[in-house]
Every structure is written in structure tokens, then in C-alpha cells.
Amino acid sequence: MFPLHSGNLDHCRLVSSLSSHKVHKVSKTENVGRCQAMSEETIRQRFDELKAYVGWTDLDAERVRMAAPLLEPHLPAIVDDFYAEIERHPAAQQVITEGATQIERLKQTLIGWLHELLSGQYDEAYAARRWKVGYRHVSIGLAQIYTNMALSRMKKGLLRALRDSWTGDSDTLQNVIESLSMLIDMDLTLIQEAYESEHNSLQQRTERLATLGQVSGGIAHELRNPLNAIRTSVYFLEHAKNPNAEKVSEHLGRIARQVNVANRVVTALSDFARQRAAEPSPFSLQQCFAELLETQPPPEKVQLSLLIPEDLPRLVGDVDLLRIVFDNLLRNAADAIEDSGQIIVAAEQEGDHVRLSVRDTGCGISRDDLPKIMEPLFTTKARGIGLGLAITRAILEKHGTRLTVESVVDEGTTFSVMLKAEITDL
């Protein structure tokens, strides 16, 4: 349970066997490194805050120290009671691998922890050792509830022993009981706070690893197809005997297209990771789309209509970032069209802004999926890593605007955004 001396790990495992709660384990070295990351000075400050909150004084420490000679003879019995309770649980037998020898070692470790509790020395080193207990419980998978119950049982045993051994007046006894209770409660608070801190940190690390796994899986899926296509074309070019110029050109073109596909995946990840600040300046929406469609023309199955008025004012924004937005919206629209369909890009001025909409006649988005489509790594596509709309939303937020969406299943989807227009004084 608590002590961090030679038998502590076995002791923790013994109590943790009573819990079905599972926590991902980390190595002992890794756990100690994290404990050291929280400086003893920081822990001392937290311990001082707790002391101030409950009104702990040097007089309380003296009272506990005064009670120590009365309680120490009872510590073996309290520890025996603790282990007797544990041994009534069949699951506890799973961690007793050395029989009576191991139990005796664990008992001595716990007695040492109780001696320290009664020592009267409650400095930063004492607080740091209590704090490390919480970290250790996470590393071995011990639910905090069992620490609470164990402390409660031992607290009950200590207070009972104190009352039975006390020969002084009742008022002083009550003061000693209050001081000892405060100390145990502060111990528990430190342990629990450390447990929660490390447990939350562990959850975040686990979530980051899960996210990395999702991203890795998506990248692998996205890159495997173009790489396979490139490999087959390279194989043909290396092994074909006297291929004609048309066939060579066909395979070189195929390689170039698949390199572009792979590059889009890498670019999406790079754009998402970089998230640089927007650097707005005036630019032409017509010219931006013309350049975009020259390098990324729509698929043959798609009929694209650009409804951008000639007299539309220039926009004010970071054209490089907004080009990513427009590209993502066009590719999303094209991906939504299964056999054939239409994409309509329309822009119209509304006051000092321009409303840009991208509408497709594709499969539409279900009501359940609609709230999630801009979350990172969410995708309804068979191919894709789910970063396009997340990147789009982040870029538009940098421009002080947002993306709206309307969709009807089997009819199509419309994405719209309001962008700042350049207004010149006449």
C-alpha cells in the first residue's frame, strides 16, 4: 500500500489485487523520473497549504509525537489486522508468491510507514515520500479507493489503541485525536492528489499514443495505394523489353499522379502540425481558384461550375492558408460524388464580406456524423486520415471566421464561409 521501502511494491500489488480497476503500467524507472520532476519544494508548498487550511501547528506535531509511545506497542496488532482483512479476500492469494516470508516483510514495511507517521518530523522530505506513494499506486494499477479504505481502517485502529492506552484527561485526549486525524487526512490528501496528477498524465499519454496510432494507421492506408501503384509502374519500366513511347509516358504520368497523392497526405500532416499565424493581404479569389484548379483539376466524373463575379472585390486573408481551405473543400466535394455529379463554387458580396459556398450533389452527410466532421481524425471515407476539415476549421479561426455546413443524405452538401473583403474608398 503506502511505504516506498524495500517491500512496498509487493505490498501495493497485494492491495491492488482486491481491485478490478486496471491502469496502464509504466516502468519503475519512468515513474521515479516523474516523481523527481515534481520538486520537493513544490510538494512542500502544497503540504504547507494543507497545513494552513486545516490549521495544523507545531503543537499538533508535538501532540502526535507525545502519542507515539502509547501507540507504537499496538502497531504490530494494527498491521496484523490489516493483513488479516486482506487475506480474507481470495484474490489476495494471487500475489503472495513467497508465503509467510513475504507477508512478514510487507508487515515490517507497513510498520515503518506508521513509525514515520508518528515521528513528529513533517518536513518537505516527509511530504515528498507521501506524494510518491500516489505516483507508485498509478504505476502498479492500484485504484485510489483502496488507499482510502486502508487508511480509514488503520486510522480506526490507531484511534482505538490511543483511547485504550490513554491515562490523562479527556480534553487532552480529544486534542491528540484531532491532531492525529488531521495528519492522516493530510497524508491521504497528498497521496490522492499525486495519484490524480499522475493518473491524468497517464491518460493523456495514453490518448496521445492512441491518436498517434490512428494517425499512423491513416497515413499507412493513404500512402499504401500510391506506393503500390508507383512500384508496379517502376517494375514495368525496369523490366519491359522495348516499351513504346506511349507506354513509357503512361507509366511516368501514373507515377507523377501517385506522387502528388502521397504529397497531399504529407502536406495535410504538415499543415496540421505547423498551424502558423495568418498573414493577411489582399488577393483575387478568381486568380486563387484558377491557380488551384491548374495544379489540382477536378476528376472527370465531376462537372465544376465557378460562379465568381468579375466585379467581386478582392479578399483580405492569407492566400497560402486559404488555398489549403479551398483545396480541402473541393476535394471533399469531389470525394462525396460517387459516380458523377456537380460541384458549384459560388461567391457573392455581403457588405464588407464575401460569402463563399462550395456545393456538391454527392452522398450527403448523416445527421449523426454532421457534428463530428471537423474533429481531427474523424472521417467517413474509405480512404483518408480525417484532417482536411480540421485543418480548414483551424485556418478559418485564424481569420476570425468559421465554416458552416448544410447537408441532406443522398442529395448533397454545402459548405459556406464568410471572408473579409477589401473595401476601398471611392
Protein backbone atom coordinates (compact mmCIF):
# COMPACT_ATOMS: atom_id res chain seq x y z
CA MET A 1 0.00 0.00 0.00
CA PHE A 2 1.89 3.08 1.23
CA PRO A 3 5.59 2.55 2.13
CA LEU A 4 8.20 3.08 -0.54
CA HIS A 5 10.89 0.98 1.13
CA SER A 6 12.08 -2.49 0.16
CA GLY A 7 8.74 -4.25 0.40
CA ASN A 8 6.49 -1.50 -0.89
CA LEU A 9 5.92 -2.81 -4.40
CA ASP A 10 4.76 -6.21 -3.15
CA HIS A 11 2.56 -4.51 -0.61
CA CYS A 12 0.95 -2.33 -3.28
CA ARG A 13 0.34 -5.33 -5.52
CA LEU A 14 -1.27 -7.17 -2.63
CA VAL A 15 -3.84 -4.45 -2.06
CA SER A 16 -4.31 -3.82 -5.79
CA SER A 17 -5.31 -7.44 -6.27
CA LEU A 18 -8.55 -6.60 -4.49
CA SER A 19 -9.48 -4.19 -7.30
CA SER A 20 -10.71 -4.92 -10.80
CA HIS A 21 -9.66 -1.42 -11.83
CA LYS A 22 -6.92 -1.56 -14.48
CA VAL A 23 -4.41 1.18 -15.19
CA HIS A 24 -1.68 1.01 -17.83
CA LYS A 25 1.62 0.21 -16.08
CA VAL A 26 4.81 2.15 -16.56
CA SER A 27 8.30 1.14 -15.64
CA LYS A 28 9.74 1.83 -12.21
CA THR A 29 12.48 3.99 -13.72
CA GLU A 30 9.96 6.04 -15.70
CA ASN A 31 7.78 6.52 -12.61
CA VAL A 32 10.68 7.67 -10.41
CA GLY A 33 11.67 10.14 -13.11
CA ARG A 34 8.22 11.70 -12.99
CA CYS A 35 8.29 11.89 -9.22
CA GLN A 36 11.56 13.76 -9.44
CA ALA A 37 10.00 16.12 -11.98
CA MET A 38 7.76 17.38 -9.17
CA SER A 39 10.31 19.15 -6.95
CA GLU A 40 10.29 18.62 -3.21
CA GLU A 41 9.97 22.38 -2.86
CA THR A 42 6.71 22.36 -4.86
CA ILE A 43 5.38 19.47 -2.81
CA ARG A 44 6.42 21.23 0.40
CA GLN A 45 4.47 24.31 -0.68
CA ARG A 46 1.42 22.14 -1.28
CA PHE A 47 1.89 20.48 2.11
CA ASP A 48 2.16 23.92 3.75
CA GLU A 49 -1.10 24.92 2.05
CA LEU A 50 -2.81 21.87 3.51
CA LYS A 51 -1.42 22.61 6.96
CA ALA A 52 -2.71 26.17 6.78
CA TYR A 53 -6.10 25.01 5.53
CA VAL A 54 -6.72 22.59 8.43
CA GLY A 55 -4.94 24.79 10.97
CA TRP A 56 -2.00 22.45 11.61
CA THR A 57 0.61 23.85 14.02
CA ASP A 58 3.78 22.73 15.78
CA LEU A 59 1.56 21.96 18.74
CA ASP A 60 -0.27 19.34 16.65
CA ALA A 61 3.07 17.76 15.71
CA GLU A 62 4.04 17.69 19.38
CA ARG A 63 0.75 16.03 20.31
CA VAL A 64 1.27 13.25 17.75
CA ARG A 65 4.83 12.76 18.95
CA MET A 66 3.51 12.59 22.51
CA ALA A 67 1.09 9.84 21.49
CA ALA A 68 3.77 7.79 19.73
CA PRO A 69 5.00 5.87 22.83
CA LEU A 70 1.40 4.86 23.58
CA LEU A 71 0.69 3.74 20.01
CA GLU A 72 3.91 2.02 18.98
CA PRO A 73 3.28 -1.12 21.05
CA HIS A 74 -0.03 -1.51 19.20
CA LEU A 75 1.36 -1.12 15.67
CA PRO A 76 2.03 -4.85 15.11
CA ALA A 77 -1.57 -5.66 16.06
CA ILE A 78 -2.92 -2.93 13.75
CA VAL A 79 -0.79 -4.26 10.89
CA ASP A 80 -1.86 -7.85 11.65
CA ASP A 81 -5.49 -6.73 11.50
CA PHE A 82 -4.81 -5.03 8.17
CA TYR A 83 -3.36 -8.20 6.63
CA ALA A 84 -5.96 -10.43 8.22
CA GLU A 85 -8.61 -8.41 6.40
CA ILE A 86 -6.72 -8.64 3.11
CA GLU A 87 -6.23 -12.38 3.45
CA ARG A 88 -9.98 -12.84 3.71
CA HIS A 89 -10.13 -11.95 0.01
CA PRO A 90 -9.25 -14.89 -2.29
CA ALA A 91 -7.79 -12.54 -4.91
CA ALA A 92 -5.08 -11.55 -2.45
CA GLN A 93 -3.57 -15.04 -2.61
CA GLN A 94 -2.55 -14.42 -6.22
CA VAL A 95 0.23 -12.02 -5.20
CA ILE A 96 1.52 -13.99 -2.20
CA THR A 97 4.23 -15.86 -4.07
CA GLU A 98 6.69 -16.29 -1.18
CA GLY A 99 4.29 -17.37 1.55
CA ALA A 100 4.81 -16.27 5.15
CA THR A 101 8.22 -14.74 4.43
CA GLN A 102 6.73 -12.23 2.04
CA ILE A 103 3.89 -11.37 4.41
CA GLU A 104 6.30 -10.71 7.26
CA ARG A 105 8.39 -8.43 5.05
CA LEU A 106 5.31 -6.50 4.00
CA LYS A 107 4.21 -6.12 7.60
CA GLN A 108 7.57 -4.67 8.63
CA THR A 109 7.38 -2.21 5.74
CA LEU A 110 3.96 -1.00 6.84
CA ILE A 111 5.09 -0.69 10.47
CA GLY A 112 7.95 1.51 9.24
CA TRP A 113 5.45 3.75 7.46
CA LEU A 114 3.41 4.07 10.68
CA HIS A 115 6.53 4.90 12.72
CA GLU A 116 7.21 7.72 10.31
CA LEU A 117 3.62 8.90 10.70
CA LEU A 118 4.16 9.22 14.46
CA SER A 119 7.67 10.69 14.26
CA GLY A 120 6.71 14.35 14.65
CA GLN A 121 9.01 15.28 11.70
CA TYR A 122 6.74 16.60 8.94
CA ASP A 123 9.05 18.45 6.57
CA GLU A 124 9.34 18.52 2.77
CA ALA A 125 11.06 15.13 2.71
CA TYR A 126 8.13 13.61 4.60
CA ALA A 127 5.64 15.23 2.19
CA ALA A 128 7.65 14.07 -0.84
CA ARG A 129 7.60 10.46 0.36
CA ARG A 130 3.82 10.61 0.80
CA TRP A 131 3.46 12.22 -2.63
CA LYS A 132 5.48 9.43 -4.26
CA VAL A 133 3.06 6.89 -2.85
CA GLY A 134 0.34 8.28 -5.13
CA TYR A 135 2.62 8.02 -8.15
CA ARG A 136 3.54 4.45 -7.24
CA HIS A 137 -0.11 3.41 -6.97
CA VAL A 138 -0.73 4.50 -10.55
CA SER A 139 2.33 2.63 -11.81
CA ILE A 140 1.16 -0.65 -10.29
CA GLY A 141 -2.52 -0.18 -11.17
CA LEU A 142 -3.92 0.34 -7.65
CA ALA A 143 -7.25 2.16 -7.53
CA GLN A 144 -7.21 5.10 -5.11
CA ILE A 145 -10.33 3.81 -3.36
CA TYR A 146 -8.28 1.02 -1.75
CA THR A 147 -5.83 3.53 -0.33
CA ASN A 148 -8.76 5.42 1.19
CA MET A 149 -10.19 2.27 2.76
CA ALA A 150 -6.82 1.10 4.06
CA LEU A 151 -6.09 4.42 5.70
CA SER A 152 -9.57 4.50 7.18
CA ARG A 153 -9.09 1.05 8.73
CA MET A 154 -5.67 1.93 10.14
CA LYS A 155 -6.94 5.29 11.41
CA LYS A 156 -9.71 3.48 13.25
CA GLY A 157 -7.17 1.07 14.76
CA LEU A 158 -4.83 3.88 15.84
CA LEU A 159 -7.58 5.91 17.48
CA ARG A 160 -8.96 2.85 19.28
CA ALA A 161 -5.48 2.00 20.58
CA LEU A 162 -4.97 5.60 21.69
CA ARG A 163 -8.20 5.65 23.69
CA ASP A 164 -7.44 2.29 25.28
CA SER A 165 -3.93 3.38 26.31
CA TRP A 166 -4.69 6.92 27.43
CA THR A 167 -4.38 7.71 31.12
CA GLY A 168 -4.58 11.51 31.02
CA ASP A 169 -7.55 13.87 30.97
CA SER A 170 -10.23 13.62 28.29
CA ASP A 171 -9.71 17.13 26.89
CA THR A 172 -6.07 16.44 26.05
CA LEU A 173 -7.05 13.10 24.56
CA GLN A 174 -9.55 14.84 22.31
CA ASN A 175 -6.86 17.30 21.17
CA VAL A 176 -4.44 14.46 20.37
CA ILE A 177 -7.15 12.61 18.43
CA GLU A 178 -7.87 15.74 16.39
CA SER A 179 -4.17 16.27 15.62
CA LEU A 180 -3.62 12.64 14.60
CA SER A 181 -6.76 12.68 12.46
CA MET A 182 -5.61 15.86 10.72
CA LEU A 183 -2.23 14.32 9.96
CA ILE A 184 -3.72 11.15 8.47
CA ASP A 185 -6.17 13.22 6.41
CA MET A 186 -3.30 15.38 5.07
CA ASP A 187 -1.37 12.22 4.20
CA LEU A 188 -4.36 10.92 2.30
CA THR A 189 -4.84 14.25 0.51
CA LEU A 190 -1.22 14.30 -0.67
CA ILE A 191 -1.43 10.70 -1.83
CA GLN A 192 -4.72 11.27 -3.63
CA GLU A 193 -3.58 14.49 -5.31
CA ALA A 194 -0.39 12.81 -6.53
CA TYR A 195 -2.44 9.83 -7.73
CA GLU A 196 -4.84 12.04 -9.68
CA SER A 197 -2.00 14.08 -11.16
CA GLU A 198 -0.14 11.01 -12.39
CA HIS A 199 -3.31 9.22 -13.46
CA ASN A 200 -4.40 12.22 -15.56
CA SER A 201 -0.92 12.46 -17.02
CA LEU A 202 -1.01 8.77 -17.85
CA GLN A 203 -4.40 9.11 -19.51
CA GLN A 204 -3.12 11.99 -21.63
CA ARG A 205 -0.10 9.95 -22.67
CA THR A 206 -2.34 7.01 -23.48
CA GLU A 207 -4.65 9.24 -25.53
CA ARG A 208 -1.67 10.71 -27.38
CA LEU A 209 -0.44 7.21 -28.18
CA ALA A 210 -3.93 6.24 -29.35
CA THR A 211 -4.05 9.35 -31.53
CA LEU A 212 -0.62 8.53 -32.91
CA GLY A 213 -1.87 5.04 -33.67
CA GLN A 214 -4.89 6.44 -35.51
CA VAL A 215 -2.76 8.88 -37.48
CA SER A 216 -0.20 6.19 -38.28
CA GLY A 217 -2.93 3.85 -39.47
CA GLY A 218 -4.45 6.57 -41.61
CA ILE A 219 -1.10 7.53 -43.11
CA ALA A 220 -0.27 3.90 -43.86
CA HIS A 221 -3.66 3.43 -45.51
CA GLU A 222 -3.35 6.63 -47.53
CA LEU A 223 0.21 6.01 -48.71
CA ARG A 224 -0.02 2.29 -49.42
CA ASN A 225 -2.14 2.64 -52.59
CA PRO A 226 0.01 5.29 -54.33
CA LEU A 227 3.20 3.49 -53.33
CA ASN A 228 1.88 0.22 -54.74
CA ALA A 229 0.94 1.97 -57.98
CA ILE A 230 4.38 3.59 -58.20
CA ARG A 231 6.05 0.24 -57.52
CA THR A 232 4.18 -1.54 -60.31
CA SER A 233 4.98 1.24 -62.81
CA VAL A 234 8.64 1.24 -61.81
CA TYR A 235 8.70 -2.54 -62.19
CA PHE A 236 7.25 -2.24 -65.70
CA LEU A 237 9.77 0.44 -66.72
CA GLU A 238 12.66 -1.62 -65.37
CA HIS A 239 11.67 -4.94 -66.91
CA ALA A 240 9.67 -4.20 -70.06
CA LYS A 241 11.54 -5.09 -73.24
CA ASN A 242 11.50 -2.25 -75.75
CA PRO A 243 8.33 -0.50 -74.45
CA ASN A 244 6.91 2.06 -76.86
CA ALA A 245 6.99 5.77 -76.03
CA GLU A 246 3.25 5.88 -75.34
CA LYS A 247 3.51 3.13 -72.70
CA VAL A 248 6.51 4.77 -71.04
CA SER A 249 4.69 8.10 -70.96
CA GLU A 250 1.62 6.41 -69.47
CA HIS A 251 3.59 4.92 -66.60
CA LEU A 252 5.59 8.08 -65.97
CA GLY A 253 2.34 10.02 -65.79
CA ARG A 254 0.94 7.43 -63.41
CA ILE A 255 3.99 7.77 -61.16
CA ALA A 256 3.68 11.57 -61.19
CA ARG A 257 -0.02 11.40 -60.23
CA GLN A 258 0.61 8.98 -57.39
CA VAL A 259 3.49 11.11 -56.08
CA ASN A 260 1.01 14.01 -55.94
CA VAL A 261 -1.42 11.83 -53.99
CA ALA A 262 1.27 10.91 -51.47
CA ASN A 263 2.42 14.52 -51.28
CA ARG A 264 -1.10 15.66 -50.37
CA VAL A 265 -1.07 13.30 -47.38
CA VAL A 266 2.29 14.64 -46.19
CA THR A 267 1.16 18.22 -46.83
CA ALA A 268 -2.01 17.70 -44.79
CA LEU A 269 0.00 16.45 -41.82
CA SER A 270 2.50 19.27 -42.20
CA ASP A 271 -0.27 21.88 -42.41
CA PHE A 272 -1.96 20.48 -39.33
CA ALA A 273 1.26 20.41 -37.33
CA ARG A 274 2.54 23.81 -38.42
CA GLN A 275 -0.59 25.89 -37.75
CA ARG A 276 1.31 29.12 -38.32
CA ALA A 277 -0.29 32.50 -37.75
CA ALA A 278 -2.20 34.06 -40.65
CA GLU A 279 -0.51 36.88 -42.57
CA PRO A 280 -3.40 38.64 -44.36
CA SER A 281 -3.05 40.69 -47.53
CA PRO A 282 -5.41 41.45 -50.47
CA PHE A 283 -5.76 38.77 -53.15
CA SER A 284 -8.04 37.83 -56.03
CA LEU A 285 -10.41 34.93 -55.40
CA GLN A 286 -10.74 34.29 -59.15
CA GLN A 287 -6.97 34.05 -59.58
CA CYS A 288 -6.60 31.85 -56.50
CA PHE A 289 -9.11 29.30 -57.84
CA ALA A 290 -7.58 29.43 -61.33
CA GLU A 291 -4.14 28.57 -59.94
CA LEU A 292 -5.61 25.89 -57.68
CA LEU A 293 -7.52 24.16 -60.49
CA GLU A 294 -4.49 24.31 -62.78
CA THR A 295 -2.49 22.15 -60.37
CA GLN A 296 -5.41 20.13 -58.95
CA PRO A 297 -8.07 19.73 -61.66
CA PRO A 298 -11.33 18.04 -60.66
CA PRO A 299 -11.88 14.36 -61.54
CA GLU A 300 -13.54 13.53 -64.85
CA LYS A 301 -16.71 12.43 -63.07
CA VAL A 302 -17.24 15.95 -61.71
CA GLN A 303 -18.74 18.91 -63.55
CA LEU A 304 -17.35 22.03 -61.87
CA SER A 305 -19.09 25.41 -62.10
CA LEU A 306 -17.36 28.59 -60.87
CA LEU A 307 -19.86 31.36 -60.14
CA ILE A 308 -17.46 34.12 -59.09
CA PRO A 309 -18.49 37.58 -60.37
CA GLU A 310 -15.91 39.59 -62.30
CA ASP A 311 -16.59 42.65 -60.16
CA LEU A 312 -16.17 40.78 -56.87
CA PRO A 313 -13.84 42.74 -54.57
CA ARG A 314 -10.55 41.21 -53.59
CA LEU A 315 -10.41 39.28 -50.33
CA VAL A 316 -8.17 40.05 -47.39
CA GLY A 317 -6.51 36.99 -45.94
CA ASP A 318 -3.51 34.71 -46.02
CA VAL A 319 -3.79 33.38 -49.57
CA ASP A 320 -1.46 30.43 -48.94
CA LEU A 321 -3.50 29.25 -45.97
CA LEU A 322 -6.86 29.93 -47.65
CA ARG A 323 -5.71 28.00 -50.72
CA ILE A 324 -5.48 24.97 -48.39
CA VAL A 325 -9.07 25.66 -47.30
CA PHE A 326 -10.37 25.88 -50.87
CA ASP A 327 -8.44 22.76 -51.90
CA ASN A 328 -9.85 20.79 -48.96
CA LEU A 329 -13.42 21.87 -49.73
CA LEU A 330 -13.09 20.96 -53.41
CA ARG A 331 -11.53 17.56 -52.67
CA ASN A 332 -14.19 16.83 -50.03
CA ALA A 333 -16.91 17.69 -52.51
CA ALA A 334 -15.34 15.52 -55.22
CA ASP A 335 -14.93 12.59 -52.80
CA ALA A 336 -18.64 12.82 -51.91
CA ILE A 337 -19.61 12.24 -55.55
CA GLU A 338 -19.62 8.52 -56.28
CA ASP A 339 -20.37 8.08 -59.99
CA SER A 340 -20.92 11.53 -61.43
CA GLY A 341 -22.17 14.84 -60.17
CA GLN A 342 -21.71 18.54 -59.92
CA ILE A 343 -19.74 20.96 -57.76
CA ILE A 344 -20.80 24.59 -57.69
CA VAL A 345 -18.44 27.21 -56.25
CA ALA A 346 -20.32 30.47 -55.72
CA ALA A 347 -19.25 33.80 -54.25
CA GLU A 348 -21.27 36.94 -53.55
CA GLN A 349 -20.58 40.12 -51.70
CA GLU A 350 -22.48 40.81 -48.49
CA GLY A 351 -21.49 44.20 -47.12
CA ASP A 352 -17.81 44.22 -46.22
CA HIS A 353 -17.58 40.42 -46.57
CA VAL A 354 -17.83 37.82 -49.31
CA ARG A 355 -19.82 34.64 -48.80
CA LEU A 356 -18.13 31.68 -50.48
CA SER A 357 -20.03 28.42 -50.80
CA VAL A 358 -18.99 25.05 -52.19
CA ARG A 359 -21.96 22.82 -53.00
CA ASP A 360 -21.88 19.25 -54.26
CA THR A 361 -24.52 16.79 -55.43
CA GLY A 362 -22.88 13.89 -53.61
CA CYS A 363 -23.96 11.38 -50.99
CA GLY A 364 -24.51 13.90 -48.18
CA ILE A 365 -23.62 13.58 -44.50
CA SER A 366 -25.77 11.82 -41.91
CA ARG A 367 -27.24 13.77 -39.01
CA ASP A 368 -25.17 11.73 -36.54
CA ASP A 369 -21.89 12.43 -38.35
CA LEU A 370 -22.51 16.11 -39.05
CA PRO A 371 -21.38 17.44 -35.61
CA LYS A 372 -18.14 15.42 -35.80
CA ILE A 373 -16.87 16.07 -39.32
CA MET A 374 -14.46 18.85 -38.28
CA GLU A 375 -12.87 16.88 -35.46
CA PRO A 376 -9.29 15.73 -36.08
CA LEU A 377 -9.02 12.11 -37.30
CA PHE A 378 -12.77 11.73 -37.88
CA THR A 379 -13.57 10.53 -41.38
CA THR A 380 -16.40 8.72 -43.15
CA LYS A 381 -14.24 7.97 -46.19
CA ALA A 382 -12.79 4.59 -47.01
CA ARG A 383 -9.55 6.47 -47.66
CA GLY A 384 -8.46 9.47 -45.66
CA ILE A 385 -6.94 10.40 -42.32
CA GLY A 386 -9.60 12.88 -41.25
CA LEU A 387 -7.51 16.04 -41.06
CA GLY A 388 -8.82 18.09 -44.00
CA LEU A 389 -11.79 19.76 -42.32
CA ALA A 390 -9.96 20.04 -39.00
CA ILE A 391 -7.20 21.98 -40.79
CA THR A 392 -9.83 24.04 -42.62
CA ARG A 393 -11.56 24.99 -39.37
CA ALA A 394 -8.25 25.92 -37.70
CA ILE A 395 -7.23 28.16 -40.64
CA LEU A 396 -10.58 29.91 -40.74
CA GLU A 397 -10.44 30.51 -36.99
CA LYS A 398 -7.13 32.31 -37.58
CA HIS A 399 -9.06 34.55 -39.99
CA GLY A 400 -11.77 35.26 -37.40
CA THR A 401 -14.44 33.28 -39.19
CA ARG A 402 -15.91 29.78 -39.26
CA LEU A 403 -17.16 27.13 -41.62
CA THR A 404 -20.86 26.26 -41.74
CA VAL A 405 -22.37 23.18 -43.33
CA GLU A 406 -25.78 22.05 -44.54
CA SER A 407 -26.31 18.53 -45.82
CA VAL A 408 -29.05 16.18 -46.94
CA VAL A 409 -28.29 12.49 -47.34
CA ASP A 410 -28.36 11.38 -50.99
CA GLU A 411 -28.82 14.99 -52.16
CA GLY A 412 -25.58 16.79 -51.32
CA THR A 413 -23.70 19.13 -49.04
CA THR A 414 -22.97 22.85 -48.96
CA PHE A 415 -20.04 24.36 -47.05
CA SER A 416 -20.09 28.13 -46.59
CA VAL A 417 -17.72 30.71 -45.14
CA MET A 418 -17.72 34.49 -44.76
CA LEU A 419 -14.40 36.09 -45.74
CA LYS A 420 -13.34 39.69 -45.32
CA ALA A 421 -13.48 41.80 -48.48
CA GLU A 422 -11.11 44.64 -49.40
CA ILE A 423 -13.20 47.78 -49.33
CA THR A 424 -11.62 50.81 -51.00
CA ASP A 425 -12.85 54.37 -50.52
CA LEU A 426 -14.03 55.95 -53.77
